[in-house]
Amino acid sequence: MLRVDFHCHTLRSKDSLTTYADLLQACQRKGLDKVVVTDHNTILGALEAQALDPGRVIVGEEIMTEQGEILAAFVKEEIPRGLPPLVVIQRLREQGAFISVSHPFDRNRNGAWMLADLEQIAPLVDAIEVFNARCLQADFNRKAQDFAHAHQLAGTAGSDGHAAFEIGAAHLLLPEFDDAISLRKAVQEAQVSGKLSPAWVHFASVYARWVKGMRAKK
């Protein structure tokens, strides 16, 4: 069984300072076999991290649509933010990506979904993120789990780590896979492992935005 964190960020996200070296060292310390790098609206960080460890890093992207955030793995072409979700899903399907939905019921974030919008895309995605370690309330993850079960969708799990120490806080245990097609099969047998991160980890994102803002002013 592989240990895989399906959701994490690098310095290519506006709210993260995690270098690729720190990310990979964290993966080794936590015993992660694979990690999906899902920077906000870009695949540059994922590609650069993958170049350093091709066997461990999967190119992903967290995409802000008009209604909420979509989490994709095995992305070949970057998807810009702000598009209708159906357009995003179509573009991801055209490149054969694996499609999940980020923290769909977390009302503390901009990426939360209205139920009607989520219902519309449910038949078109591969999975729902059923455990996100950065959710401030366990109920947000429980609602995602209930939604996935009701719609017979697989679940993904991830740390949503923006700082290296968060990586691996939540992950999936699942059979081996090497592409989106085999992942769709493997995720059907996945087990969620991990726990919620403390609320103060969100300050890492606030600090990262502040640091980058100060650098931009120089």
N, C-alpha and C. Protein backbone atom coordinates (compact mmCIF):
# COMPACT_ATOMS: atom_id res chain seq x y z
N MET A 1 0.84 -1.20 0.00
CA MET A 1 0.00 0.00 0.00
C MET A 1 0.88 1.26 0.00
N LEU A 2 0.52 2.22 -0.81
CA LEU A 2 1.25 3.48 -0.88
C LEU A 2 0.65 4.50 0.09
N ARG A 3 1.51 5.35 0.63
CA ARG A 3 1.08 6.47 1.45
C ARG A 3 1.18 7.72 0.58
N VAL A 4 0.03 8.39 0.34
CA VAL A 4 0.00 9.50 -0.61
C VAL A 4 -0.74 10.70 -0.02
N ASP A 5 -0.06 11.83 -0.02
CA ASP A 5 -0.70 13.11 0.34
C ASP A 5 -1.17 13.74 -0.97
N PHE A 6 -2.48 13.90 -1.10
CA PHE A 6 -3.07 14.37 -2.35
C PHE A 6 -3.20 15.89 -2.46
N HIS A 7 -2.70 16.63 -1.48
CA HIS A 7 -2.97 18.08 -1.49
C HIS A 7 -1.90 18.81 -0.70
N CYS A 8 -0.98 19.50 -1.39
CA CYS A 8 0.01 20.31 -0.70
C CYS A 8 0.52 21.41 -1.62
N HIS A 9 1.21 22.37 -1.03
CA HIS A 9 1.61 23.57 -1.75
C HIS A 9 3.11 23.84 -1.61
N THR A 10 3.64 24.59 -2.57
CA THR A 10 5.03 25.03 -2.54
C THR A 10 5.09 26.54 -2.67
N LEU A 11 6.29 27.06 -2.75
CA LEU A 11 6.48 28.50 -2.87
C LEU A 11 5.87 29.10 -4.13
N ARG A 12 5.40 28.25 -5.03
CA ARG A 12 4.70 28.75 -6.22
C ARG A 12 3.25 29.18 -5.90
N SER A 13 2.77 28.82 -4.71
CA SER A 13 1.48 29.33 -4.25
C SER A 13 1.74 30.64 -3.51
N LYS A 14 0.82 31.59 -3.63
CA LYS A 14 1.02 32.91 -3.04
C LYS A 14 1.07 32.87 -1.52
N ASP A 15 0.55 31.79 -0.93
CA ASP A 15 0.47 31.71 0.52
C ASP A 15 1.34 30.59 1.09
N SER A 16 2.44 30.28 0.40
CA SER A 16 3.37 29.26 0.88
C SER A 16 4.80 29.67 0.61
N LEU A 17 5.69 29.29 1.52
CA LEU A 17 7.13 29.53 1.35
C LEU A 17 7.90 28.21 1.25
N THR A 18 7.22 27.11 1.12
CA THR A 18 7.85 25.79 1.12
C THR A 18 8.70 25.57 -0.12
N THR A 19 9.98 25.35 0.08
CA THR A 19 10.86 25.06 -1.04
C THR A 19 10.69 23.60 -1.47
N TYR A 20 11.14 23.29 -2.66
CA TYR A 20 11.01 21.92 -3.15
C TYR A 20 11.86 20.97 -2.30
N ALA A 21 13.04 21.41 -1.90
CA ALA A 21 13.90 20.57 -1.06
C ALA A 21 13.22 20.27 0.27
N ASP A 22 12.62 21.28 0.88
CA ASP A 22 11.93 21.07 2.16
C ASP A 22 10.73 20.15 2.00
N LEU A 23 10.01 20.31 0.90
CA LEU A 23 8.87 19.43 0.62
C LEU A 23 9.32 17.98 0.54
N LEU A 24 10.35 17.72 -0.23
CA LEU A 24 10.80 16.35 -0.43
C LEU A 24 11.41 15.75 0.83
N GLN A 25 12.11 16.57 1.61
CA GLN A 25 12.64 16.09 2.88
C GLN A 25 11.50 15.71 3.84
N ALA A 26 10.43 16.52 3.83
CA ALA A 26 9.28 16.22 4.67
C ALA A 26 8.63 14.91 4.24
N CYS A 27 8.54 14.68 2.94
CA CYS A 27 7.98 13.43 2.44
C CYS A 27 8.79 12.23 2.93
N GLN A 28 10.09 12.36 2.90
CA GLN A 28 10.96 11.27 3.34
C GLN A 28 10.80 11.03 4.84
N ARG A 29 10.73 12.11 5.62
CA ARG A 29 10.56 11.96 7.07
C ARG A 29 9.23 11.31 7.42
N LYS A 30 8.19 11.67 6.69
CA LYS A 30 6.84 11.16 6.98
C LYS A 30 6.56 9.82 6.32
N GLY A 31 7.48 9.34 5.51
CA GLY A 31 7.28 8.05 4.86
C GLY A 31 6.25 8.08 3.75
N LEU A 32 6.14 9.21 3.05
CA LEU A 32 5.20 9.32 1.95
C LEU A 32 5.82 8.76 0.67
N ASP A 33 5.11 7.86 0.04
CA ASP A 33 5.60 7.27 -1.21
C ASP A 33 5.39 8.20 -2.39
N LYS A 34 4.28 8.95 -2.34
CA LYS A 34 3.96 9.91 -3.39
C LYS A 34 3.31 11.13 -2.78
N VAL A 35 3.41 12.25 -3.49
CA VAL A 35 2.77 13.49 -3.06
C VAL A 35 2.28 14.22 -4.30
N VAL A 36 1.04 14.71 -4.23
CA VAL A 36 0.49 15.48 -5.34
C VAL A 36 0.67 16.96 -5.00
N VAL A 37 1.50 17.65 -5.76
CA VAL A 37 1.74 19.07 -5.54
C VAL A 37 0.65 19.85 -6.25
N THR A 38 -0.14 20.58 -5.47
CA THR A 38 -1.34 21.23 -6.00
C THR A 38 -1.32 22.72 -5.69
N ASP A 39 -0.39 23.42 -6.28
CA ASP A 39 -0.33 24.87 -6.07
C ASP A 39 -1.55 25.55 -6.66
N HIS A 40 -1.85 26.73 -6.15
CA HIS A 40 -3.02 27.47 -6.60
C HIS A 40 -2.85 27.95 -8.04
N ASN A 41 -3.66 27.40 -8.94
CA ASN A 41 -3.77 27.90 -10.32
C ASN A 41 -2.46 27.89 -11.10
N THR A 42 -1.57 26.97 -10.76
CA THR A 42 -0.32 26.83 -11.51
C THR A 42 0.24 25.43 -11.32
N ILE A 43 0.96 24.94 -12.34
CA ILE A 43 1.64 23.65 -12.22
C ILE A 43 3.15 23.83 -12.22
N LEU A 44 3.63 25.05 -12.21
CA LEU A 44 5.08 25.29 -12.28
C LEU A 44 5.82 24.65 -11.11
N GLY A 45 5.31 24.84 -9.90
CA GLY A 45 5.96 24.25 -8.73
C GLY A 45 5.96 22.74 -8.78
N ALA A 46 4.87 22.17 -9.21
CA ALA A 46 4.78 20.72 -9.31
C ALA A 46 5.79 20.18 -10.31
N LEU A 47 5.91 20.85 -11.46
CA LEU A 47 6.87 20.41 -12.47
C LEU A 47 8.30 20.52 -11.96
N GLU A 48 8.60 21.60 -11.26
CA GLU A 48 9.96 21.79 -10.75
C GLU A 48 10.28 20.80 -9.64
N ALA A 49 9.31 20.50 -8.79
CA ALA A 49 9.52 19.51 -7.75
C ALA A 49 9.65 18.11 -8.35
N GLN A 50 8.85 17.83 -9.36
CA GLN A 50 8.91 16.52 -10.00
C GLN A 50 10.26 16.28 -10.67
N ALA A 51 10.85 17.33 -11.18
CA ALA A 51 12.17 17.19 -11.81
C ALA A 51 13.22 16.72 -10.81
N LEU A 52 13.02 17.04 -9.53
CA LEU A 52 13.96 16.64 -8.48
C LEU A 52 13.69 15.23 -7.97
N ASP A 53 12.44 14.79 -8.04
CA ASP A 53 12.08 13.45 -7.56
C ASP A 53 10.91 12.92 -8.39
N PRO A 54 11.20 12.46 -9.60
CA PRO A 54 10.13 12.04 -10.52
C PRO A 54 9.27 10.90 -10.00
N GLY A 55 9.85 10.03 -9.21
CA GLY A 55 9.10 8.88 -8.72
C GLY A 55 8.12 9.21 -7.62
N ARG A 56 8.35 10.31 -6.94
CA ARG A 56 7.52 10.65 -5.78
C ARG A 56 6.48 11.73 -6.08
N VAL A 57 6.84 12.69 -6.92
CA VAL A 57 5.99 13.87 -7.11
C VAL A 57 5.04 13.69 -8.30
N ILE A 58 3.77 13.94 -8.05
CA ILE A 58 2.74 13.93 -9.09
C ILE A 58 2.33 15.38 -9.35
N VAL A 59 2.25 15.73 -10.62
CA VAL A 59 1.88 17.11 -10.98
C VAL A 59 0.38 17.29 -10.82
N GLY A 60 0.03 18.23 -9.96
CA GLY A 60 -1.37 18.54 -9.72
C GLY A 60 -1.60 20.04 -9.74
N GLU A 61 -2.83 20.44 -9.48
CA GLU A 61 -3.18 21.86 -9.45
C GLU A 61 -4.47 22.03 -8.66
N GLU A 62 -4.53 23.08 -7.85
CA GLU A 62 -5.77 23.47 -7.19
C GLU A 62 -6.31 24.68 -7.93
N ILE A 63 -7.46 24.49 -8.56
CA ILE A 63 -7.97 25.49 -9.50
C ILE A 63 -9.20 26.18 -8.92
N MET A 64 -9.15 27.50 -8.84
CA MET A 64 -10.30 28.27 -8.38
C MET A 64 -11.23 28.51 -9.56
N THR A 65 -12.40 27.91 -9.52
CA THR A 65 -13.40 28.12 -10.56
C THR A 65 -14.34 29.25 -10.14
N GLU A 66 -15.35 29.49 -10.92
CA GLU A 66 -16.34 30.50 -10.57
C GLU A 66 -17.16 30.12 -9.34
N GLN A 67 -17.24 28.81 -9.04
CA GLN A 67 -18.08 28.37 -7.93
C GLN A 67 -17.30 27.81 -6.74
N GLY A 68 -16.12 27.30 -6.94
CA GLY A 68 -15.35 26.67 -5.86
C GLY A 68 -14.06 26.11 -6.42
N GLU A 69 -13.30 25.42 -5.56
CA GLU A 69 -11.99 24.92 -5.99
C GLU A 69 -12.04 23.45 -6.40
N ILE A 70 -11.32 23.14 -7.44
CA ILE A 70 -11.17 21.77 -7.94
C ILE A 70 -9.72 21.35 -7.76
N LEU A 71 -9.53 20.10 -7.36
CA LEU A 71 -8.21 19.56 -7.08
C LEU A 71 -7.91 18.48 -8.10
N ALA A 72 -6.85 18.65 -8.87
CA ALA A 72 -6.56 17.71 -9.95
C ALA A 72 -5.17 17.11 -9.81
N ALA A 73 -5.03 15.88 -10.28
CA ALA A 73 -3.75 15.17 -10.30
C ALA A 73 -3.47 14.67 -11.71
N PHE A 74 -2.18 14.49 -12.01
CA PHE A 74 -1.73 14.10 -13.35
C PHE A 74 -2.17 15.15 -14.37
N VAL A 75 -1.89 16.39 -14.03
CA VAL A 75 -2.20 17.53 -14.90
C VAL A 75 -1.05 17.73 -15.88
N LYS A 76 -1.38 17.89 -17.14
CA LYS A 76 -0.37 18.11 -18.17
C LYS A 76 -0.35 19.57 -18.64
N GLU A 77 -1.52 20.20 -18.65
CA GLU A 77 -1.62 21.59 -19.08
C GLU A 77 -2.32 22.41 -18.00
N GLU A 78 -1.70 23.50 -17.62
CA GLU A 78 -2.22 24.36 -16.55
C GLU A 78 -3.59 24.94 -16.91
N ILE A 79 -4.46 25.00 -15.92
CA ILE A 79 -5.79 25.57 -16.08
C ILE A 79 -5.83 26.92 -15.35
N PRO A 80 -6.22 28.00 -16.01
CA PRO A 80 -6.28 29.30 -15.33
C PRO A 80 -7.45 29.38 -14.37
N ARG A 81 -7.36 30.30 -13.42
CA ARG A 81 -8.44 30.48 -12.45
C ARG A 81 -9.60 31.24 -13.09
N GLY A 82 -10.76 31.13 -12.42
CA GLY A 82 -11.90 31.97 -12.79
C GLY A 82 -12.81 31.45 -13.88
N LEU A 83 -12.58 30.23 -14.34
CA LEU A 83 -13.43 29.66 -15.38
C LEU A 83 -14.64 28.96 -14.75
N PRO A 84 -15.72 28.76 -15.52
CA PRO A 84 -16.84 27.96 -15.02
C PRO A 84 -16.36 26.54 -14.70
N PRO A 85 -16.87 25.92 -13.65
CA PRO A 85 -16.39 24.58 -13.29
C PRO A 85 -16.55 23.55 -14.38
N LEU A 86 -17.62 23.63 -15.16
CA LEU A 86 -17.81 22.66 -16.23
C LEU A 86 -16.73 22.80 -17.31
N VAL A 87 -16.27 24.01 -17.53
CA VAL A 87 -15.18 24.23 -18.49
C VAL A 87 -13.88 23.66 -17.94
N VAL A 88 -13.63 23.90 -16.66
CA VAL A 88 -12.42 23.36 -16.02
C VAL A 88 -12.41 21.83 -16.10
N ILE A 89 -13.52 21.22 -15.75
CA ILE A 89 -13.61 19.76 -15.79
C ILE A 89 -13.40 19.23 -17.20
N GLN A 90 -13.99 19.90 -18.18
CA GLN A 90 -13.81 19.47 -19.57
C GLN A 90 -12.33 19.53 -19.97
N ARG A 91 -11.66 20.62 -19.60
CA ARG A 91 -10.24 20.76 -19.97
C ARG A 91 -9.39 19.70 -19.27
N LEU A 92 -9.72 19.40 -18.03
CA LEU A 92 -8.99 18.37 -17.30
C LEU A 92 -9.24 17.00 -17.91
N ARG A 93 -10.48 16.73 -18.29
CA ARG A 93 -10.81 15.45 -18.92
C ARG A 93 -10.06 15.28 -20.24
N GLU A 94 -9.94 16.35 -20.99
CA GLU A 94 -9.27 16.29 -22.28
C GLU A 94 -7.80 15.90 -22.15
N GLN A 95 -7.21 16.22 -21.01
CA GLN A 95 -5.80 15.85 -20.80
C GLN A 95 -5.65 14.62 -19.91
N GLY A 96 -6.77 13.97 -19.60
CA GLY A 96 -6.73 12.70 -18.87
C GLY A 96 -6.42 12.83 -17.40
N ALA A 97 -6.65 13.99 -16.78
CA ALA A 97 -6.34 14.19 -15.37
C ALA A 97 -7.34 13.51 -14.45
N PHE A 98 -6.92 13.28 -13.23
CA PHE A 98 -7.78 12.77 -12.17
C PHE A 98 -8.37 13.98 -11.45
N ILE A 99 -9.70 13.99 -11.25
CA ILE A 99 -10.38 15.19 -10.75
C ILE A 99 -11.04 14.93 -9.41
N SER A 100 -10.67 15.74 -8.43
CA SER A 100 -11.31 15.73 -7.12
C SER A 100 -11.82 17.14 -6.83
N VAL A 101 -12.44 17.32 -5.67
CA VAL A 101 -12.98 18.63 -5.28
C VAL A 101 -12.43 19.00 -3.92
N SER A 102 -11.78 20.15 -3.84
CA SER A 102 -11.14 20.57 -2.59
C SER A 102 -12.14 20.97 -1.51
N HIS A 103 -11.90 20.49 -0.28
CA HIS A 103 -12.64 20.91 0.94
C HIS A 103 -14.00 21.55 0.61
N PRO A 104 -14.92 20.79 0.01
CA PRO A 104 -16.14 21.39 -0.55
C PRO A 104 -17.07 22.06 0.45
N PHE A 105 -17.02 21.65 1.73
CA PHE A 105 -17.97 22.20 2.70
C PHE A 105 -17.31 23.09 3.75
N ASP A 106 -16.06 23.48 3.52
CA ASP A 106 -15.36 24.33 4.48
C ASP A 106 -15.76 25.78 4.25
N ARG A 107 -16.68 26.28 5.06
CA ARG A 107 -17.22 27.63 4.89
C ARG A 107 -16.25 28.72 5.32
N ASN A 108 -15.11 28.35 5.87
CA ASN A 108 -14.11 29.34 6.25
C ASN A 108 -13.19 29.71 5.09
N ARG A 109 -13.41 29.10 3.92
CA ARG A 109 -12.53 29.35 2.79
C ARG A 109 -13.31 29.78 1.55
N ASN A 110 -12.61 30.47 0.68
CA ASN A 110 -13.24 30.92 -0.57
C ASN A 110 -13.58 29.76 -1.48
N GLY A 111 -12.92 28.62 -1.28
CA GLY A 111 -13.12 27.49 -2.19
C GLY A 111 -14.30 26.60 -1.86
N ALA A 112 -15.13 27.00 -0.88
CA ALA A 112 -16.28 26.18 -0.53
C ALA A 112 -17.33 26.23 -1.65
N TRP A 113 -18.10 25.16 -1.75
CA TRP A 113 -19.09 25.03 -2.82
C TRP A 113 -20.51 25.20 -2.28
N MET A 114 -21.37 25.80 -3.08
CA MET A 114 -22.80 25.75 -2.80
C MET A 114 -23.27 24.35 -3.18
N LEU A 115 -24.20 23.80 -2.41
CA LEU A 115 -24.61 22.42 -2.62
C LEU A 115 -25.14 22.19 -4.03
N ALA A 116 -25.92 23.13 -4.55
CA ALA A 116 -26.49 22.95 -5.90
C ALA A 116 -25.39 22.85 -6.95
N ASP A 117 -24.35 23.67 -6.81
CA ASP A 117 -23.24 23.63 -7.77
C ASP A 117 -22.46 22.32 -7.65
N LEU A 118 -22.28 21.86 -6.41
CA LEU A 118 -21.57 20.60 -6.18
C LEU A 118 -22.35 19.42 -6.74
N GLU A 119 -23.65 19.46 -6.56
CA GLU A 119 -24.50 18.40 -7.11
C GLU A 119 -24.38 18.34 -8.64
N GLN A 120 -24.25 19.50 -9.27
CA GLN A 120 -24.16 19.54 -10.72
C GLN A 120 -22.91 18.87 -11.25
N ILE A 121 -21.78 19.04 -10.54
CA ILE A 121 -20.53 18.48 -11.06
C ILE A 121 -20.24 17.08 -10.54
N ALA A 122 -20.98 16.63 -9.55
CA ALA A 122 -20.71 15.32 -8.94
C ALA A 122 -20.61 14.18 -9.95
N PRO A 123 -21.47 14.11 -10.96
CA PRO A 123 -21.35 13.00 -11.91
C PRO A 123 -20.13 13.09 -12.81
N LEU A 124 -19.43 14.22 -12.78
CA LEU A 124 -18.34 14.47 -13.73
C LEU A 124 -16.96 14.36 -13.11
N VAL A 125 -16.86 14.18 -11.79
CA VAL A 125 -15.56 14.12 -11.13
C VAL A 125 -15.26 12.70 -10.67
N ASP A 126 -14.00 12.46 -10.34
CA ASP A 126 -13.56 11.13 -9.90
C ASP A 126 -13.68 10.94 -8.40
N ALA A 127 -13.61 12.03 -7.65
CA ALA A 127 -13.55 11.91 -6.19
C ALA A 127 -13.92 13.23 -5.52
N ILE A 128 -14.10 13.15 -4.22
CA ILE A 128 -14.29 14.30 -3.35
C ILE A 128 -13.20 14.27 -2.29
N GLU A 129 -12.64 15.41 -1.96
CA GLU A 129 -11.68 15.44 -0.86
C GLU A 129 -12.46 15.27 0.45
N VAL A 130 -12.36 14.08 1.03
CA VAL A 130 -13.16 13.75 2.21
C VAL A 130 -12.44 14.04 3.52
N PHE A 131 -11.13 14.28 3.44
CA PHE A 131 -10.40 14.68 4.65
C PHE A 131 -9.31 15.67 4.27
N ASN A 132 -9.47 16.88 4.77
CA ASN A 132 -8.49 17.95 4.58
C ASN A 132 -8.01 18.35 5.97
N ALA A 133 -6.71 18.21 6.21
CA ALA A 133 -6.17 18.43 7.55
C ALA A 133 -6.28 19.88 8.01
N ARG A 134 -6.48 20.80 7.08
CA ARG A 134 -6.55 22.22 7.45
C ARG A 134 -7.98 22.69 7.77
N CYS A 135 -8.95 21.83 7.66
CA CYS A 135 -10.30 22.23 8.05
C CYS A 135 -10.33 22.53 9.55
N LEU A 136 -10.93 23.65 9.90
CA LEU A 136 -10.97 24.05 11.31
C LEU A 136 -12.03 23.29 12.10
N GLN A 137 -12.97 22.68 11.41
CA GLN A 137 -14.02 21.92 12.07
C GLN A 137 -14.11 20.54 11.43
N ALA A 138 -14.15 19.50 12.26
CA ALA A 138 -14.24 18.13 11.76
C ALA A 138 -15.51 17.92 10.96
N ASP A 139 -16.55 18.70 11.29
CA ASP A 139 -17.83 18.56 10.61
C ASP A 139 -17.72 18.83 9.11
N PHE A 140 -16.79 19.72 8.71
CA PHE A 140 -16.61 20.01 7.29
C PHE A 140 -16.20 18.74 6.54
N ASN A 141 -15.29 17.97 7.13
CA ASN A 141 -14.86 16.72 6.50
C ASN A 141 -15.95 15.66 6.55
N ARG A 142 -16.70 15.60 7.64
CA ARG A 142 -17.79 14.63 7.73
C ARG A 142 -18.84 14.87 6.65
N LYS A 143 -19.16 16.14 6.40
CA LYS A 143 -20.12 16.45 5.34
C LYS A 143 -19.59 16.01 3.98
N ALA A 144 -18.29 16.20 3.75
CA ALA A 144 -17.69 15.76 2.48
C ALA A 144 -17.74 14.24 2.36
N GLN A 145 -17.47 13.54 3.46
CA GLN A 145 -17.55 12.08 3.44
C GLN A 145 -18.97 11.61 3.15
N ASP A 146 -19.95 12.26 3.77
CA ASP A 146 -21.35 11.88 3.55
C ASP A 146 -21.75 12.14 2.09
N PHE A 147 -21.29 13.27 1.55
CA PHE A 147 -21.62 13.59 0.15
C PHE A 147 -21.01 12.56 -0.79
N ALA A 148 -19.74 12.22 -0.57
CA ALA A 148 -19.08 11.23 -1.43
C ALA A 148 -19.80 9.89 -1.37
N HIS A 149 -20.18 9.48 -0.17
CA HIS A 149 -20.88 8.20 -0.01
C HIS A 149 -22.23 8.23 -0.72
N ALA A 150 -22.97 9.33 -0.56
CA ALA A 150 -24.30 9.44 -1.16
C ALA A 150 -24.23 9.41 -2.68
N HIS A 151 -23.12 9.90 -3.24
CA HIS A 151 -22.99 9.97 -4.69
C HIS A 151 -22.07 8.90 -5.25
N GLN A 152 -21.72 7.94 -4.39
CA GLN A 152 -20.88 6.81 -4.80
C GLN A 152 -19.58 7.27 -5.43
N LEU A 153 -18.96 8.26 -4.79
CA LEU A 153 -17.68 8.79 -5.26
C LEU A 153 -16.56 8.36 -4.31
N ALA A 154 -15.39 8.17 -4.87
CA ALA A 154 -14.22 7.88 -4.06
C ALA A 154 -13.81 9.13 -3.29
N GLY A 155 -12.94 8.94 -2.30
CA GLY A 155 -12.47 10.07 -1.51
C GLY A 155 -10.97 10.23 -1.57
N THR A 156 -10.52 11.47 -1.56
CA THR A 156 -9.09 11.75 -1.43
C THR A 156 -8.85 12.43 -0.08
N ALA A 157 -7.60 12.46 0.33
CA ALA A 157 -7.23 13.08 1.60
C ALA A 157 -5.88 13.76 1.44
N GLY A 158 -5.71 14.87 2.12
CA GLY A 158 -4.43 15.58 2.03
C GLY A 158 -4.22 16.54 3.17
N SER A 159 -2.98 16.88 3.35
CA SER A 159 -2.61 17.82 4.41
C SER A 159 -3.03 19.25 4.09
N ASP A 160 -3.12 19.56 2.80
CA ASP A 160 -3.28 20.96 2.36
C ASP A 160 -2.13 21.78 2.92
N GLY A 161 -0.99 21.12 3.08
CA GLY A 161 0.15 21.75 3.73
C GLY A 161 0.73 22.90 2.95
N HIS A 162 0.82 24.04 3.61
CA HIS A 162 1.47 25.22 3.04
C HIS A 162 2.85 25.41 3.65
N ALA A 163 3.10 24.76 4.77
CA ALA A 163 4.42 24.73 5.41
C ALA A 163 4.89 23.28 5.43
N ALA A 164 6.20 23.08 5.36
CA ALA A 164 6.73 21.73 5.20
C ALA A 164 6.35 20.80 6.35
N PHE A 165 6.25 21.34 7.57
CA PHE A 165 5.94 20.46 8.71
C PHE A 165 4.53 19.89 8.65
N GLU A 166 3.66 20.48 7.81
CA GLU A 166 2.29 19.98 7.67
C GLU A 166 2.19 18.78 6.75
N ILE A 167 3.14 18.62 5.86
CA ILE A 167 3.05 17.58 4.83
C ILE A 167 2.83 16.22 5.47
N GLY A 168 1.86 15.48 4.95
CA GLY A 168 1.58 14.14 5.45
C GLY A 168 0.64 14.09 6.63
N ALA A 169 0.18 15.24 7.11
CA ALA A 169 -0.73 15.24 8.26
C ALA A 169 -1.97 14.41 7.97
N ALA A 170 -2.41 14.42 6.73
CA ALA A 170 -3.49 13.54 6.26
C ALA A 170 -3.08 12.97 4.92
N HIS A 171 -3.41 11.72 4.71
CA HIS A 171 -3.03 11.07 3.45
C HIS A 171 -3.90 9.84 3.23
N LEU A 172 -3.76 9.23 2.07
CA LEU A 172 -4.45 7.99 1.77
C LEU A 172 -3.47 6.82 1.76
N LEU A 173 -3.96 5.67 2.16
CA LEU A 173 -3.28 4.41 1.96
C LEU A 173 -4.03 3.69 0.84
N LEU A 174 -3.34 3.39 -0.24
CA LEU A 174 -4.02 2.78 -1.39
C LEU A 174 -3.06 1.94 -2.21
N PRO A 175 -3.59 1.06 -3.05
CA PRO A 175 -2.72 0.23 -3.89
C PRO A 175 -1.89 1.06 -4.86
N GLU A 176 -0.87 0.42 -5.42
CA GLU A 176 0.02 1.13 -6.33
C GLU A 176 -0.73 1.61 -7.58
N PHE A 177 -0.27 2.74 -8.11
CA PHE A 177 -0.81 3.31 -9.34
C PHE A 177 0.30 4.12 -9.99
N ASP A 178 0.18 4.37 -11.29
CA ASP A 178 1.22 5.15 -11.96
C ASP A 178 0.67 6.17 -12.94
N ASP A 179 -0.65 6.27 -13.02
CA ASP A 179 -1.26 7.28 -13.88
C ASP A 179 -2.69 7.51 -13.42
N ALA A 180 -3.40 8.41 -14.10
CA ALA A 180 -4.77 8.74 -13.67
C ALA A 180 -5.70 7.54 -13.82
N ILE A 181 -5.49 6.73 -14.85
CA ILE A 181 -6.37 5.58 -15.07
C ILE A 181 -6.24 4.57 -13.94
N SER A 182 -5.01 4.22 -13.58
CA SER A 182 -4.82 3.25 -12.50
C SER A 182 -5.16 3.87 -11.14
N LEU A 183 -5.03 5.19 -11.01
CA LEU A 183 -5.43 5.85 -9.76
C LEU A 183 -6.94 5.73 -9.56
N ARG A 184 -7.72 5.87 -10.61
CA ARG A 184 -9.18 5.76 -10.47
C ARG A 184 -9.57 4.40 -9.91
N LYS A 185 -8.82 3.38 -10.25
CA LYS A 185 -9.10 2.04 -9.72
C LYS A 185 -8.57 1.91 -8.30
N ALA A 186 -7.35 2.39 -8.07
CA ALA A 186 -6.72 2.24 -6.75
C ALA A 186 -7.48 2.98 -5.66
N VAL A 187 -8.01 4.16 -5.99
CA VAL A 187 -8.65 4.99 -4.98
C VAL A 187 -9.93 4.35 -4.45
N GLN A 188 -10.46 3.39 -5.18
CA GLN A 188 -11.66 2.68 -4.70
C GLN A 188 -11.35 1.83 -3.47
N GLU A 189 -10.09 1.50 -3.27
CA GLU A 189 -9.68 0.69 -2.12
C GLU A 189 -8.92 1.50 -1.07
N ALA A 190 -9.01 2.81 -1.16
CA ALA A 190 -8.20 3.68 -0.30
C ALA A 190 -8.72 3.76 1.13
N GLN A 191 -7.79 4.00 2.04
CA GLN A 191 -8.12 4.22 3.45
C GLN A 191 -7.55 5.58 3.85
N VAL A 192 -8.37 6.38 4.54
CA VAL A 192 -7.92 7.69 5.01
C VAL A 192 -7.13 7.53 6.29
N SER A 193 -6.01 8.24 6.37
CA SER A 193 -5.19 8.23 7.57
C SER A 193 -4.77 9.66 7.90
N GLY A 194 -4.71 9.98 9.18
CA GLY A 194 -4.24 11.31 9.57
C GLY A 194 -5.17 11.98 10.55
N LYS A 195 -4.87 13.23 10.85
CA LYS A 195 -5.67 13.99 11.80
C LYS A 195 -5.65 15.46 11.40
N LEU A 196 -6.58 16.22 12.00
CA LEU A 196 -6.64 17.65 11.73
C LEU A 196 -5.39 18.35 12.26
N SER A 197 -4.89 19.30 11.49
CA SER A 197 -3.79 20.14 11.95
C SER A 197 -4.33 21.19 12.93
N PRO A 198 -3.49 21.69 13.83
CA PRO A 198 -3.96 22.75 14.73
C PRO A 198 -4.31 24.01 13.96
N ALA A 199 -5.22 24.80 14.51
CA ALA A 199 -5.71 25.99 13.81
C ALA A 199 -4.59 26.97 13.47
N TRP A 200 -3.56 27.00 14.31
CA TRP A 200 -2.51 28.01 14.11
C TRP A 200 -1.68 27.78 12.85
N VAL A 201 -1.83 26.62 12.18
CA VAL A 201 -1.05 26.42 10.95
C VAL A 201 -1.45 27.43 9.88
N HIS A 202 -2.67 27.98 9.98
CA HIS A 202 -3.10 28.96 8.99
C HIS A 202 -2.26 30.24 9.05
N PHE A 203 -1.61 30.48 10.19
CA PHE A 203 -0.74 31.66 10.28
C PHE A 203 0.47 31.52 9.37
N ALA A 204 0.83 30.27 9.02
CA ALA A 204 1.93 30.07 8.08
C ALA A 204 1.58 30.68 6.73
N SER A 205 0.32 30.57 6.34
CA SER A 205 -0.12 31.15 5.07
C SER A 205 -0.16 32.67 5.15
N VAL A 206 -0.63 33.18 6.28
CA VAL A 206 -0.67 34.64 6.47
C VAL A 206 0.74 35.20 6.42
N TYR A 207 1.66 34.52 7.09
CA TYR A 207 3.06 34.97 7.10
C TYR A 207 3.66 34.93 5.70
N ALA A 208 3.36 33.86 4.95
CA ALA A 208 3.90 33.74 3.59
C ALA A 208 3.41 34.88 2.70
N ARG A 209 2.12 35.21 2.80
CA ARG A 209 1.59 36.31 2.01
C ARG A 209 2.25 37.63 2.39
N TRP A 210 2.49 37.82 3.69
CA TRP A 210 3.13 39.05 4.17
C TRP A 210 4.57 39.14 3.63
N VAL A 211 5.31 38.05 3.73
CA VAL A 211 6.69 38.04 3.25
C VAL A 211 6.74 38.35 1.76
N LYS A 212 5.88 37.73 0.99
CA LYS A 212 5.89 37.95 -0.45
C LYS A 212 5.44 39.37 -0.80
N GLY A 213 4.52 39.90 0.00
CA GLY A 213 4.11 41.28 -0.22
C GLY A 213 5.23 42.25 0.05
N MET A 214 6.01 42.01 1.09
CA MET A 214 7.14 42.87 1.41
C MET A 214 8.22 42.78 0.34
N ARG A 215 8.45 41.57 -0.16
CA ARG A 215 9.45 41.41 -1.22
C ARG A 215 9.03 42.14 -2.48
N ALA A 216 7.72 42.12 -2.76
CA ALA A 216 7.23 42.79 -3.98
C ALA A 216 7.39 44.29 -3.92
N LYS A 217 7.43 44.86 -2.70
CA LYS A 217 7.55 46.30 -2.54
C LYS A 217 8.98 46.79 -2.70
N LYS A 218 9.93 45.86 -2.61
CA LYS A 218 11.34 46.28 -2.70
C LYS A 218 11.75 46.52 -4.15
